[in-house]
Amino acid sequence: IGEMPLEMQVKLLRVLQEKAYYPVGGTKKMEADFRVVAATNRDLASLIAEGKFREDLYYRLNVFSLTIPPLRERKEDIIELFQFFLYEFSLQYNRPIQRISPNLMHYLLKYHWPGNIRELRNTVERLVVFATDGMINEEHLPFSLSSMPKANSAPFHSNPQNLREERNQNDRKMILHALELENGNKQAAAKRLGISRKTLYNRMHKLNIPIR
């Protein structure tokens, strides 16, 4: 909301006050009953003082506010979001990820993420795009590693059993989602996952996914 031009702020305020609007090119007023959930990483108080944000719109929107700490202060969220985006883009690009560099998570957790979740999402997409061999590693990170602490040579997860369980969980999610997208068509789901139908059946059997 902090990036909205002043002329658009006026229009939004009018709709919020009158609960009605005129469609573009229309002459009939339309009723509008909605709620606004707005987000910003800007200091709106400073923008108001500079005349770049309307004070009346600020008070109209600021009925309830929630301050979310930056991503760099929520290390546990980085791990979960990384796995979520990895799953999303693996399906989108039909590129199953078989291996993750042991040092990758170290760099993701040490980075300060000025662009917050949006930057993390774009970073994971880039990693998947460059993972032509089924492995993602720190070489394709978009930010410089030269000024960051060196990673310990030990893997992020020291327990091999945890790694296997995590991979199985991710594989299961990917397969179930692919089947959902293809309405249960296993041939199409296998194609989406970039594997053969036989391999899909084998993985479904291994992961205890019902084969109907």
N, C-alpha and C. Protein backbone atom coordinates (compact mmCIF):
# COMPACT_ATOMS: atom_id res chain seq x y z
N ILE A 1 0.82 -1.20 0.00
CA ILE A 1 0.00 0.00 0.00
C ILE A 1 0.87 1.26 0.00
N GLY A 2 2.08 1.15 0.53
CA GLY A 2 2.96 2.30 0.59
C GLY A 2 3.45 2.77 -0.76
N GLU A 3 3.29 1.94 -1.79
CA GLU A 3 3.73 2.30 -3.14
C GLU A 3 2.59 2.89 -3.98
N MET A 4 1.39 2.95 -3.44
CA MET A 4 0.23 3.40 -4.21
C MET A 4 0.32 4.90 -4.49
N PRO A 5 0.16 5.32 -5.76
CA PRO A 5 0.19 6.74 -6.10
C PRO A 5 -0.93 7.50 -5.40
N LEU A 6 -0.73 8.79 -5.19
CA LEU A 6 -1.71 9.60 -4.47
C LEU A 6 -3.08 9.60 -5.14
N GLU A 7 -3.10 9.64 -6.48
CA GLU A 7 -4.39 9.66 -7.16
C GLU A 7 -5.18 8.37 -6.94
N MET A 8 -4.46 7.25 -6.83
CA MET A 8 -5.13 5.99 -6.54
C MET A 8 -5.57 5.93 -5.07
N GLN A 9 -4.81 6.56 -4.20
CA GLN A 9 -5.20 6.62 -2.79
C GLN A 9 -6.53 7.33 -2.63
N VAL A 10 -6.72 8.41 -3.39
CA VAL A 10 -7.98 9.16 -3.34
C VAL A 10 -9.14 8.27 -3.76
N LYS A 11 -8.95 7.51 -4.83
CA LYS A 11 -10.01 6.64 -5.34
C LYS A 11 -10.34 5.53 -4.34
N LEU A 12 -9.31 4.94 -3.75
CA LEU A 12 -9.53 3.88 -2.78
C LEU A 12 -10.28 4.42 -1.56
N LEU A 13 -9.87 5.60 -1.09
CA LEU A 13 -10.53 6.20 0.07
C LEU A 13 -12.00 6.47 -0.22
N ARG A 14 -12.30 6.95 -1.42
CA ARG A 14 -13.68 7.25 -1.78
C ARG A 14 -14.53 5.97 -1.76
N VAL A 15 -13.99 4.89 -2.30
CA VAL A 15 -14.73 3.62 -2.31
C VAL A 15 -14.96 3.13 -0.89
N LEU A 16 -13.95 3.25 -0.04
CA LEU A 16 -14.08 2.80 1.34
C LEU A 16 -15.11 3.62 2.11
N GLN A 17 -15.20 4.90 1.80
CA GLN A 17 -16.13 5.77 2.50
C GLN A 17 -17.56 5.61 1.99
N GLU A 18 -17.71 5.55 0.67
CA GLU A 18 -19.04 5.51 0.07
C GLU A 18 -19.56 4.09 -0.14
N LYS A 19 -18.65 3.11 -0.06
CA LYS A 19 -19.00 1.71 -0.32
C LYS A 19 -19.67 1.53 -1.68
N ALA A 20 -19.19 2.29 -2.63
CA ALA A 20 -19.72 2.22 -4.00
C ALA A 20 -18.68 2.78 -4.96
N TYR A 21 -18.84 2.42 -6.25
CA TYR A 21 -17.91 2.90 -7.26
C TYR A 21 -18.58 2.86 -8.63
N TYR A 22 -17.98 3.56 -9.58
CA TYR A 22 -18.43 3.53 -10.96
C TYR A 22 -17.42 2.71 -11.77
N PRO A 23 -17.84 1.65 -12.45
CA PRO A 23 -16.92 0.89 -13.30
C PRO A 23 -16.34 1.78 -14.40
N VAL A 24 -15.18 1.42 -14.89
CA VAL A 24 -14.55 2.19 -15.97
C VAL A 24 -15.48 2.22 -17.18
N GLY A 25 -15.82 3.42 -17.62
CA GLY A 25 -16.70 3.59 -18.78
C GLY A 25 -18.17 3.44 -18.45
N GLY A 26 -18.49 3.18 -17.17
CA GLY A 26 -19.89 2.98 -16.79
C GLY A 26 -20.51 4.23 -16.20
N THR A 27 -21.83 4.25 -16.15
CA THR A 27 -22.57 5.38 -15.59
C THR A 27 -23.41 4.96 -14.39
N LYS A 28 -23.48 3.66 -14.14
CA LYS A 28 -24.28 3.15 -13.03
C LYS A 28 -23.38 2.85 -11.84
N LYS A 29 -23.77 3.41 -10.69
CA LYS A 29 -22.98 3.20 -9.47
C LYS A 29 -23.18 1.77 -8.97
N MET A 30 -22.07 1.11 -8.64
CA MET A 30 -22.10 -0.27 -8.16
C MET A 30 -21.75 -0.28 -6.67
N GLU A 31 -22.48 -1.08 -5.92
CA GLU A 31 -22.19 -1.21 -4.49
C GLU A 31 -20.94 -2.08 -4.30
N ALA A 32 -20.19 -1.76 -3.26
CA ALA A 32 -18.96 -2.50 -2.98
C ALA A 32 -18.90 -2.83 -1.49
N ASP A 33 -18.92 -4.10 -1.18
CA ASP A 33 -18.85 -4.56 0.21
C ASP A 33 -17.64 -5.48 0.33
N PHE A 34 -16.56 -4.96 0.86
CA PHE A 34 -15.33 -5.75 0.92
C PHE A 34 -14.46 -5.27 2.08
N ARG A 35 -13.46 -6.06 2.38
CA ARG A 35 -12.47 -5.70 3.39
C ARG A 35 -11.11 -5.57 2.72
N VAL A 36 -10.31 -4.68 3.24
CA VAL A 36 -8.97 -4.45 2.69
C VAL A 36 -7.93 -4.99 3.67
N VAL A 37 -7.09 -5.88 3.16
CA VAL A 37 -5.92 -6.33 3.91
C VAL A 37 -4.71 -5.76 3.18
N ALA A 38 -4.06 -4.79 3.79
CA ALA A 38 -2.96 -4.08 3.13
C ALA A 38 -1.64 -4.41 3.83
N ALA A 39 -0.58 -4.45 3.04
CA ALA A 39 0.75 -4.72 3.58
C ALA A 39 1.74 -3.71 3.03
N THR A 40 2.78 -3.44 3.79
CA THR A 40 3.82 -2.53 3.33
C THR A 40 5.10 -2.77 4.12
N ASN A 41 6.22 -2.47 3.49
CA ASN A 41 7.50 -2.48 4.21
C ASN A 41 8.03 -1.05 4.35
N ARG A 42 7.16 -0.08 4.05
CA ARG A 42 7.53 1.34 4.15
C ARG A 42 7.06 1.91 5.48
N ASP A 43 7.68 3.01 5.91
CA ASP A 43 7.26 3.73 7.11
C ASP A 43 6.18 4.73 6.70
N LEU A 44 4.92 4.35 6.91
CA LEU A 44 3.81 5.18 6.44
C LEU A 44 3.76 6.53 7.15
N ALA A 45 4.18 6.56 8.43
CA ALA A 45 4.19 7.83 9.15
C ALA A 45 5.13 8.83 8.48
N SER A 46 6.28 8.35 8.02
CA SER A 46 7.22 9.23 7.32
C SER A 46 6.65 9.67 5.98
N LEU A 47 5.97 8.76 5.28
CA LEU A 47 5.36 9.11 3.99
C LEU A 47 4.26 10.15 4.17
N ILE A 48 3.51 10.04 5.26
CA ILE A 48 2.48 11.04 5.55
C ILE A 48 3.12 12.40 5.77
N ALA A 49 4.21 12.44 6.55
CA ALA A 49 4.92 13.69 6.82
C ALA A 49 5.49 14.31 5.55
N GLU A 50 5.86 13.45 4.60
CA GLU A 50 6.41 13.93 3.33
C GLU A 50 5.33 14.26 2.31
N GLY A 51 4.08 14.02 2.67
CA GLY A 51 2.98 14.30 1.75
C GLY A 51 2.82 13.26 0.65
N LYS A 52 3.37 12.05 0.87
CA LYS A 52 3.30 11.00 -0.14
C LYS A 52 2.23 9.95 0.16
N PHE A 53 1.63 10.06 1.35
CA PHE A 53 0.55 9.13 1.70
C PHE A 53 -0.51 9.90 2.47
N ARG A 54 -1.76 9.67 2.11
CA ARG A 54 -2.87 10.40 2.72
C ARG A 54 -3.10 9.94 4.16
N GLU A 55 -3.17 10.92 5.04
CA GLU A 55 -3.38 10.60 6.45
C GLU A 55 -4.76 10.01 6.70
N ASP A 56 -5.78 10.53 5.97
CA ASP A 56 -7.13 10.02 6.17
C ASP A 56 -7.26 8.57 5.71
N LEU A 57 -6.55 8.21 4.64
CA LEU A 57 -6.56 6.82 4.19
C LEU A 57 -5.85 5.93 5.19
N TYR A 58 -4.77 6.44 5.76
CA TYR A 58 -4.02 5.67 6.76
C TYR A 58 -4.91 5.28 7.94
N TYR A 59 -5.64 6.26 8.47
CA TYR A 59 -6.50 5.97 9.62
C TYR A 59 -7.69 5.10 9.23
N ARG A 60 -8.13 5.23 7.99
CA ARG A 60 -9.23 4.39 7.52
C ARG A 60 -8.79 2.92 7.45
N LEU A 61 -7.55 2.69 7.04
CA LEU A 61 -7.04 1.33 6.89
C LEU A 61 -6.52 0.74 8.20
N ASN A 62 -6.02 1.60 9.08
CA ASN A 62 -5.32 1.13 10.27
C ASN A 62 -6.29 0.80 11.41
N VAL A 63 -7.27 -0.04 11.11
CA VAL A 63 -8.20 -0.50 12.14
C VAL A 63 -7.51 -1.54 13.03
N PHE A 64 -6.78 -2.42 12.39
CA PHE A 64 -6.02 -3.44 13.11
C PHE A 64 -4.70 -3.63 12.38
N SER A 65 -3.62 -3.55 13.11
CA SER A 65 -2.30 -3.69 12.48
C SER A 65 -1.55 -4.86 13.09
N LEU A 66 -0.74 -5.48 12.27
CA LEU A 66 0.06 -6.63 12.68
C LEU A 66 1.47 -6.44 12.13
N THR A 67 2.43 -6.43 13.02
CA THR A 67 3.82 -6.26 12.61
C THR A 67 4.48 -7.62 12.49
N ILE A 68 4.97 -7.92 11.30
CA ILE A 68 5.63 -9.20 11.05
C ILE A 68 7.14 -8.97 10.99
N PRO A 69 7.91 -9.65 11.82
CA PRO A 69 9.37 -9.46 11.80
C PRO A 69 9.94 -9.84 10.43
N PRO A 70 11.05 -9.23 10.04
CA PRO A 70 11.67 -9.59 8.77
C PRO A 70 12.11 -11.05 8.77
N LEU A 71 12.25 -11.60 7.58
CA LEU A 71 12.56 -13.02 7.43
C LEU A 71 13.86 -13.40 8.13
N ARG A 72 14.83 -12.49 8.14
CA ARG A 72 16.13 -12.81 8.75
C ARG A 72 16.01 -13.06 10.25
N GLU A 73 14.91 -12.62 10.86
CA GLU A 73 14.70 -12.84 12.29
C GLU A 73 13.83 -14.07 12.54
N ARG A 74 13.44 -14.76 11.48
CA ARG A 74 12.59 -15.95 11.61
C ARG A 74 13.26 -17.12 10.90
N LYS A 75 14.37 -17.57 11.45
CA LYS A 75 15.17 -18.61 10.80
C LYS A 75 14.37 -19.88 10.55
N GLU A 76 13.51 -20.25 11.49
CA GLU A 76 12.74 -21.49 11.33
C GLU A 76 11.80 -21.40 10.14
N ASP A 77 11.32 -20.19 9.84
CA ASP A 77 10.43 -20.01 8.69
C ASP A 77 11.17 -20.17 7.37
N ILE A 78 12.45 -19.82 7.36
CA ILE A 78 13.24 -19.95 6.13
C ILE A 78 13.26 -21.40 5.67
N ILE A 79 13.43 -22.32 6.60
CA ILE A 79 13.49 -23.74 6.26
C ILE A 79 12.16 -24.22 5.70
N GLU A 80 11.07 -23.89 6.38
CA GLU A 80 9.75 -24.35 5.93
C GLU A 80 9.36 -23.71 4.60
N LEU A 81 9.63 -22.43 4.45
CA LEU A 81 9.30 -21.75 3.20
C LEU A 81 10.14 -22.28 2.05
N PHE A 82 11.41 -22.56 2.32
CA PHE A 82 12.27 -23.14 1.30
C PHE A 82 11.69 -24.45 0.79
N GLN A 83 11.28 -25.32 1.69
CA GLN A 83 10.71 -26.61 1.30
C GLN A 83 9.40 -26.42 0.53
N PHE A 84 8.58 -25.46 0.97
CA PHE A 84 7.31 -25.20 0.29
C PHE A 84 7.54 -24.73 -1.14
N PHE A 85 8.44 -23.74 -1.32
CA PHE A 85 8.70 -23.22 -2.65
C PHE A 85 9.41 -24.24 -3.53
N LEU A 86 10.28 -25.05 -2.92
CA LEU A 86 10.96 -26.10 -3.68
C LEU A 86 9.94 -27.08 -4.25
N TYR A 87 8.99 -27.45 -3.45
CA TYR A 87 7.91 -28.34 -3.88
C TYR A 87 7.09 -27.70 -5.00
N GLU A 88 6.77 -26.42 -4.83
CA GLU A 88 5.97 -25.70 -5.84
C GLU A 88 6.67 -25.65 -7.19
N PHE A 89 7.94 -25.24 -7.19
CA PHE A 89 8.63 -25.06 -8.46
C PHE A 89 9.10 -26.37 -9.07
N SER A 90 9.31 -27.39 -8.25
CA SER A 90 9.63 -28.71 -8.80
C SER A 90 8.50 -29.20 -9.68
N LEU A 91 7.27 -28.97 -9.25
CA LEU A 91 6.11 -29.35 -10.06
C LEU A 91 5.95 -28.43 -11.26
N GLN A 92 6.10 -27.13 -11.04
CA GLN A 92 5.88 -26.17 -12.12
C GLN A 92 6.82 -26.41 -13.30
N TYR A 93 8.08 -26.75 -13.00
CA TYR A 93 9.07 -26.94 -14.05
C TYR A 93 9.30 -28.42 -14.39
N ASN A 94 8.46 -29.30 -13.83
CA ASN A 94 8.63 -30.73 -14.08
C ASN A 94 10.06 -31.18 -13.81
N ARG A 95 10.58 -30.76 -12.68
CA ARG A 95 11.98 -31.03 -12.39
C ARG A 95 12.14 -31.57 -10.96
N PRO A 96 11.98 -32.87 -10.77
CA PRO A 96 12.14 -33.45 -9.43
C PRO A 96 13.56 -33.21 -8.91
N ILE A 97 13.65 -32.76 -7.68
CA ILE A 97 14.95 -32.51 -7.07
C ILE A 97 15.34 -33.73 -6.24
N GLN A 98 16.45 -34.35 -6.62
CA GLN A 98 16.89 -35.56 -5.95
C GLN A 98 17.89 -35.29 -4.83
N ARG A 99 18.67 -34.22 -4.99
CA ARG A 99 19.71 -33.94 -4.00
C ARG A 99 19.78 -32.44 -3.71
N ILE A 100 20.18 -32.12 -2.47
CA ILE A 100 20.38 -30.73 -2.06
C ILE A 100 21.78 -30.63 -1.47
N SER A 101 22.53 -29.65 -1.92
CA SER A 101 23.89 -29.46 -1.42
C SER A 101 23.88 -29.31 0.10
N PRO A 102 24.78 -30.01 0.80
CA PRO A 102 24.82 -29.92 2.28
C PRO A 102 25.02 -28.50 2.78
N ASN A 103 25.72 -27.65 1.99
CA ASN A 103 26.02 -26.30 2.44
C ASN A 103 24.94 -25.28 2.10
N LEU A 104 24.00 -25.67 1.26
CA LEU A 104 23.02 -24.70 0.77
C LEU A 104 22.22 -24.06 1.90
N MET A 105 21.69 -24.87 2.81
CA MET A 105 20.86 -24.33 3.88
C MET A 105 21.65 -23.40 4.79
N HIS A 106 22.93 -23.67 4.94
CA HIS A 106 23.79 -22.79 5.74
C HIS A 106 23.74 -21.37 5.18
N TYR A 107 23.90 -21.25 3.87
CA TYR A 107 23.91 -19.92 3.26
C TYR A 107 22.53 -19.27 3.29
N LEU A 108 21.50 -20.07 3.13
CA LEU A 108 20.14 -19.51 3.18
C LEU A 108 19.83 -18.95 4.56
N LEU A 109 20.33 -19.61 5.60
CA LEU A 109 20.06 -19.16 6.96
C LEU A 109 20.94 -17.97 7.36
N LYS A 110 22.12 -17.85 6.78
CA LYS A 110 23.03 -16.75 7.11
C LYS A 110 22.71 -15.48 6.33
N TYR A 111 22.06 -15.61 5.20
CA TYR A 111 21.76 -14.44 4.36
C TYR A 111 20.73 -13.56 5.07
N HIS A 112 20.78 -12.22 4.83
CA HIS A 112 19.93 -11.29 5.57
C HIS A 112 18.57 -11.05 4.90
N TRP A 113 18.35 -11.48 3.68
CA TRP A 113 17.05 -11.42 3.00
C TRP A 113 16.38 -10.04 3.05
N PRO A 114 16.99 -9.04 2.44
CA PRO A 114 16.35 -7.71 2.43
C PRO A 114 15.01 -7.70 1.70
N GLY A 115 14.83 -8.63 0.75
CA GLY A 115 13.57 -8.70 0.02
C GLY A 115 12.56 -9.64 0.64
N ASN A 116 12.90 -10.17 1.84
CA ASN A 116 12.00 -11.03 2.60
C ASN A 116 11.49 -12.23 1.79
N ILE A 117 10.23 -12.63 1.99
CA ILE A 117 9.71 -13.87 1.41
C ILE A 117 9.73 -13.84 -0.11
N ARG A 118 9.45 -12.69 -0.70
CA ARG A 118 9.46 -12.59 -2.16
C ARG A 118 10.84 -12.92 -2.72
N GLU A 119 11.89 -12.43 -2.06
CA GLU A 119 13.25 -12.72 -2.51
C GLU A 119 13.57 -14.20 -2.35
N LEU A 120 13.14 -14.79 -1.24
CA LEU A 120 13.38 -16.23 -1.02
C LEU A 120 12.68 -17.04 -2.10
N ARG A 121 11.45 -16.68 -2.41
CA ARG A 121 10.69 -17.41 -3.44
C ARG A 121 11.40 -17.34 -4.79
N ASN A 122 11.86 -16.15 -5.16
CA ASN A 122 12.57 -15.99 -6.43
C ASN A 122 13.88 -16.76 -6.43
N THR A 123 14.54 -16.82 -5.27
CA THR A 123 15.80 -17.55 -5.16
C THR A 123 15.59 -19.04 -5.36
N VAL A 124 14.55 -19.59 -4.74
CA VAL A 124 14.27 -21.02 -4.88
C VAL A 124 13.89 -21.35 -6.33
N GLU A 125 13.13 -20.47 -6.97
CA GLU A 125 12.78 -20.70 -8.37
C GLU A 125 14.05 -20.75 -9.23
N ARG A 126 14.97 -19.84 -8.98
CA ARG A 126 16.23 -19.83 -9.73
C ARG A 126 17.00 -21.13 -9.51
N LEU A 127 17.06 -21.59 -8.27
CA LEU A 127 17.78 -22.83 -7.96
C LEU A 127 17.19 -24.02 -8.70
N VAL A 128 15.86 -24.08 -8.77
CA VAL A 128 15.20 -25.19 -9.47
C VAL A 128 15.46 -25.10 -10.97
N VAL A 129 15.39 -23.89 -11.53
CA VAL A 129 15.62 -23.71 -12.96
C VAL A 129 17.01 -24.20 -13.35
N PHE A 130 18.01 -23.92 -12.51
CA PHE A 130 19.39 -24.30 -12.82
C PHE A 130 19.71 -25.75 -12.43
N ALA A 131 18.79 -26.42 -11.77
CA ALA A 131 19.06 -27.80 -11.31
C ALA A 131 18.80 -28.79 -12.42
N THR A 132 19.57 -28.71 -13.49
CA THR A 132 19.37 -29.59 -14.64
C THR A 132 19.75 -31.04 -14.35
N ASP A 133 20.57 -31.25 -13.32
CA ASP A 133 20.99 -32.61 -12.98
C ASP A 133 20.25 -33.15 -11.76
N GLY A 134 19.17 -32.48 -11.35
CA GLY A 134 18.40 -32.94 -10.21
C GLY A 134 18.98 -32.54 -8.87
N MET A 135 20.03 -31.70 -8.88
CA MET A 135 20.64 -31.26 -7.62
C MET A 135 20.67 -29.74 -7.57
N ILE A 136 20.34 -29.19 -6.41
CA ILE A 136 20.47 -27.75 -6.24
C ILE A 136 21.61 -27.49 -5.28
N ASN A 137 22.40 -26.47 -5.59
CA ASN A 137 23.53 -26.14 -4.74
C ASN A 137 23.76 -24.64 -4.71
N GLU A 138 24.70 -24.22 -3.86
CA GLU A 138 24.92 -22.79 -3.61
C GLU A 138 25.53 -22.06 -4.80
N GLU A 139 26.05 -22.77 -5.79
CA GLU A 139 26.67 -22.12 -6.94
C GLU A 139 25.70 -21.22 -7.69
N HIS A 140 24.42 -21.54 -7.64
CA HIS A 140 23.43 -20.79 -8.40
C HIS A 140 22.63 -19.80 -7.55
N LEU A 141 23.09 -19.56 -6.32
CA LEU A 141 22.44 -18.54 -5.51
C LEU A 141 22.66 -17.18 -6.14
N PRO A 142 21.66 -16.30 -6.16
CA PRO A 142 21.80 -15.01 -6.83
C PRO A 142 22.60 -14.00 -6.03
N PHE A 143 22.84 -14.25 -4.74
CA PHE A 143 23.59 -13.30 -3.94
C PHE A 143 25.02 -13.79 -3.74
N SER A 144 25.91 -12.86 -3.41
CA SER A 144 27.32 -13.18 -3.27
C SER A 144 27.59 -13.94 -1.98
N LEU A 145 28.43 -14.95 -2.09
CA LEU A 145 28.79 -15.75 -0.92
C LEU A 145 30.14 -15.33 -0.34
N SER A 146 30.82 -14.42 -1.02
CA SER A 146 32.18 -14.07 -0.64
C SER A 146 32.26 -13.43 0.74
N SER A 147 31.22 -12.66 1.11
CA SER A 147 31.26 -11.96 2.39
C SER A 147 30.55 -12.72 3.51
N MET A 148 30.10 -13.93 3.21
CA MET A 148 29.35 -14.70 4.20
C MET A 148 30.26 -15.71 4.89
N PRO A 149 29.94 -16.07 6.13
CA PRO A 149 30.75 -17.09 6.83
C PRO A 149 30.75 -18.40 6.06
N LYS A 150 31.88 -19.06 6.07
CA LYS A 150 31.99 -20.33 5.36
C LYS A 150 31.16 -21.40 6.04
N ALA A 151 30.61 -22.26 5.23
CA ALA A 151 29.78 -23.33 5.77
C ALA A 151 30.66 -24.43 6.33
N ASN A 152 30.19 -25.06 7.37
CA ASN A 152 30.86 -26.24 7.90
C ASN A 152 30.71 -27.37 6.90
N SER A 153 31.69 -28.21 6.80
CA SER A 153 31.64 -29.28 5.81
C SER A 153 30.59 -30.33 6.15
N ALA A 154 30.10 -30.32 7.40
CA ALA A 154 29.09 -31.30 7.80
C ALA A 154 27.76 -30.94 7.18
N PRO A 155 26.96 -31.91 6.79
CA PRO A 155 25.65 -31.63 6.22
C PRO A 155 24.76 -30.91 7.21
N PHE A 156 23.77 -30.20 6.68
CA PHE A 156 22.84 -29.47 7.54
C PHE A 156 22.10 -30.44 8.46
N HIS A 157 21.66 -31.55 7.93
CA HIS A 157 21.05 -32.60 8.75
C HIS A 157 22.11 -33.69 8.95
N SER A 158 22.55 -33.86 10.18
CA SER A 158 23.63 -34.82 10.41
C SER A 158 23.13 -36.25 10.43
N ASN A 159 21.85 -36.44 10.62
CA ASN A 159 21.29 -37.78 10.72
C ASN A 159 20.79 -38.24 9.36
N PRO A 160 21.41 -39.25 8.75
CA PRO A 160 20.97 -39.72 7.43
C PRO A 160 19.52 -40.17 7.43
N GLN A 161 19.06 -40.72 8.56
CA GLN A 161 17.67 -41.17 8.63
C GLN A 161 16.71 -39.99 8.47
N ASN A 162 17.07 -38.84 9.08
CA ASN A 162 16.24 -37.64 8.94
C ASN A 162 16.18 -37.18 7.49
N LEU A 163 17.32 -37.26 6.82
CA LEU A 163 17.37 -36.86 5.42
C LEU A 163 16.46 -37.73 4.57
N ARG A 164 16.51 -39.05 4.80
CA ARG A 164 15.68 -39.97 4.02
C ARG A 164 14.20 -39.71 4.28
N GLU A 165 13.86 -39.51 5.55
CA GLU A 165 12.47 -39.26 5.90
C GLU A 165 11.97 -37.96 5.27
N GLU A 166 12.81 -36.94 5.31
CA GLU A 166 12.43 -35.65 4.73
C GLU A 166 12.24 -35.77 3.22
N ARG A 167 13.14 -36.48 2.57
CA ARG A 167 13.01 -36.66 1.12
C ARG A 167 11.76 -37.46 0.79
N ASN A 168 11.48 -38.51 1.57
CA ASN A 168 10.27 -39.30 1.31
C ASN A 168 9.01 -38.46 1.49
N GLN A 169 9.01 -37.60 2.49
CA GLN A 169 7.86 -36.73 2.71
C GLN A 169 7.66 -35.78 1.53
N ASN A 170 8.77 -35.21 1.06
CA ASN A 170 8.67 -34.30 -0.09
C ASN A 170 8.22 -35.04 -1.35
N ASP A 171 8.76 -36.24 -1.57
CA ASP A 171 8.36 -37.03 -2.74
C ASP A 171 6.87 -37.37 -2.68
N ARG A 172 6.42 -37.72 -1.50
CA ARG A 172 5.00 -38.07 -1.34
C ARG A 172 4.10 -36.86 -1.67
N LYS A 173 4.49 -35.69 -1.15
CA LYS A 173 3.71 -34.48 -1.42
C LYS A 173 3.68 -34.17 -2.92
N MET A 174 4.84 -34.30 -3.57
CA MET A 174 4.93 -34.00 -4.99
C MET A 174 4.06 -34.94 -5.81
N ILE A 175 4.10 -36.22 -5.48
CA ILE A 175 3.32 -37.21 -6.23
C ILE A 175 1.82 -36.99 -6.03
N LEU A 176 1.41 -36.78 -4.79
CA LEU A 176 -0.01 -36.56 -4.51
C LEU A 176 -0.52 -35.30 -5.19
N HIS A 177 0.31 -34.27 -5.19
CA HIS A 177 -0.12 -33.01 -5.83
C HIS A 177 -0.20 -33.18 -7.34
N ALA A 178 0.76 -33.90 -7.92
CA ALA A 178 0.73 -34.14 -9.36
C ALA A 178 -0.50 -34.95 -9.75
N LEU A 179 -0.84 -35.95 -8.95
CA LEU A 179 -2.05 -36.75 -9.21
C LEU A 179 -3.30 -35.90 -9.09
N GLU A 180 -3.30 -34.98 -8.14
CA GLU A 180 -4.46 -34.09 -7.97
C GLU A 180 -4.61 -33.18 -9.18
N LEU A 181 -3.48 -32.63 -9.64
CA LEU A 181 -3.52 -31.74 -10.80
C LEU A 181 -4.00 -32.46 -12.06
N GLU A 182 -3.68 -33.74 -12.16
CA GLU A 182 -4.04 -34.52 -13.35
C GLU A 182 -5.28 -35.38 -13.12
N ASN A 183 -6.05 -35.05 -12.06
CA ASN A 183 -7.30 -35.77 -11.78
C ASN A 183 -7.11 -37.29 -11.68
N GLY A 184 -5.99 -37.70 -11.10
CA GLY A 184 -5.74 -39.12 -10.88
C GLY A 184 -5.14 -39.86 -12.07
N ASN A 185 -4.92 -39.16 -13.18
CA ASN A 185 -4.34 -39.79 -14.37
C ASN A 185 -2.85 -40.02 -14.12
N LYS A 186 -2.47 -41.27 -13.95
CA LYS A 186 -1.09 -41.58 -13.56
C LYS A 186 -0.10 -41.35 -14.69
N GLN A 187 -0.51 -41.58 -15.92
CA GLN A 187 0.38 -41.33 -17.05
C GLN A 187 0.71 -39.84 -17.13
N ALA A 188 -0.32 -39.00 -16.98
CA ALA A 188 -0.12 -37.56 -17.04
C ALA A 188 0.67 -37.07 -15.83
N ALA A 189 0.40 -37.66 -14.67
CA ALA A 189 1.13 -37.27 -13.46
C ALA A 189 2.61 -37.62 -13.58
N ALA A 190 2.90 -38.80 -14.14
CA ALA A 190 4.29 -39.21 -14.34
C ALA A 190 5.00 -38.25 -15.29
N LYS A 191 4.31 -37.85 -16.34
CA LYS A 191 4.90 -36.90 -17.30
C LYS A 191 5.18 -35.57 -16.62
N ARG A 192 4.25 -35.11 -15.79
CA ARG A 192 4.43 -33.85 -15.08
C ARG A 192 5.63 -33.91 -14.14
N LEU A 193 5.85 -35.08 -13.55
CA LEU A 193 6.96 -35.26 -12.62
C LEU A 193 8.28 -35.56 -13.33
N GLY A 194 8.21 -35.79 -14.62
CA GLY A 194 9.42 -36.07 -15.38
C GLY A 194 9.95 -37.47 -15.19
N ILE A 195 9.05 -38.42 -14.88
CA ILE A 195 9.46 -39.81 -14.68
C ILE A 195 8.55 -40.72 -15.50
N SER A 196 8.95 -41.99 -15.61
CA SER A 196 8.11 -42.94 -16.34
C SER A 196 6.95 -43.39 -15.47
N ARG A 197 5.94 -43.99 -16.12
CA ARG A 197 4.79 -44.48 -15.36
C ARG A 197 5.20 -45.61 -14.42
N LYS A 198 6.12 -46.45 -14.87
CA LYS A 198 6.59 -47.55 -14.03
C LYS A 198 7.29 -47.01 -12.78
N THR A 199 8.12 -45.97 -12.97
CA THR A 199 8.81 -45.37 -11.83
C THR A 199 7.81 -44.76 -10.86
N LEU A 200 6.76 -44.13 -11.41
CA LEU A 200 5.73 -43.55 -10.56
C LEU A 200 5.06 -44.63 -9.70
N TYR A 201 4.71 -45.76 -10.34
CA TYR A 201 4.09 -46.85 -9.59
C TYR A 201 5.02 -47.37 -8.49
N ASN A 202 6.30 -47.50 -8.82
CA ASN A 202 7.27 -47.98 -7.83
C ASN A 202 7.36 -47.03 -6.63
N ARG A 203 7.39 -45.73 -6.93
CA ARG A 203 7.48 -44.75 -5.85
C ARG A 203 6.20 -44.72 -5.02
N MET A 204 5.06 -44.86 -5.68
CA MET A 204 3.80 -44.88 -4.95
C MET A 204 3.75 -46.08 -4.01
N HIS A 205 4.23 -47.21 -4.49
CA HIS A 205 4.26 -48.41 -3.65
C HIS A 205 5.21 -48.21 -2.47
N LYS A 206 6.37 -47.64 -2.74
CA LYS A 206 7.37 -47.41 -1.69
C LYS A 206 6.86 -46.45 -0.63
N LEU A 207 6.10 -45.43 -1.06
CA LEU A 207 5.63 -44.39 -0.14
C LEU A 207 4.24 -44.67 0.41
N ASN A 208 3.73 -45.88 0.14
CA ASN A 208 2.41 -46.29 0.64
C ASN A 208 1.29 -45.37 0.15
N ILE A 209 1.39 -44.97 -1.11
CA ILE A 209 0.32 -44.18 -1.73
C ILE A 209 -0.62 -45.15 -2.44
N PRO A 210 -1.90 -45.15 -2.09
CA PRO A 210 -2.84 -46.10 -2.71
C PRO A 210 -2.85 -45.99 -4.23
N ILE A 211 -2.80 -47.14 -4.91
CA ILE A 211 -2.87 -47.18 -6.37
C ILE A 211 -4.26 -47.66 -6.75
N ARG A 212 -5.07 -46.72 -7.19
CA ARG A 212 -6.46 -47.07 -7.54
C ARG A 212 -6.62 -47.17 -9.04
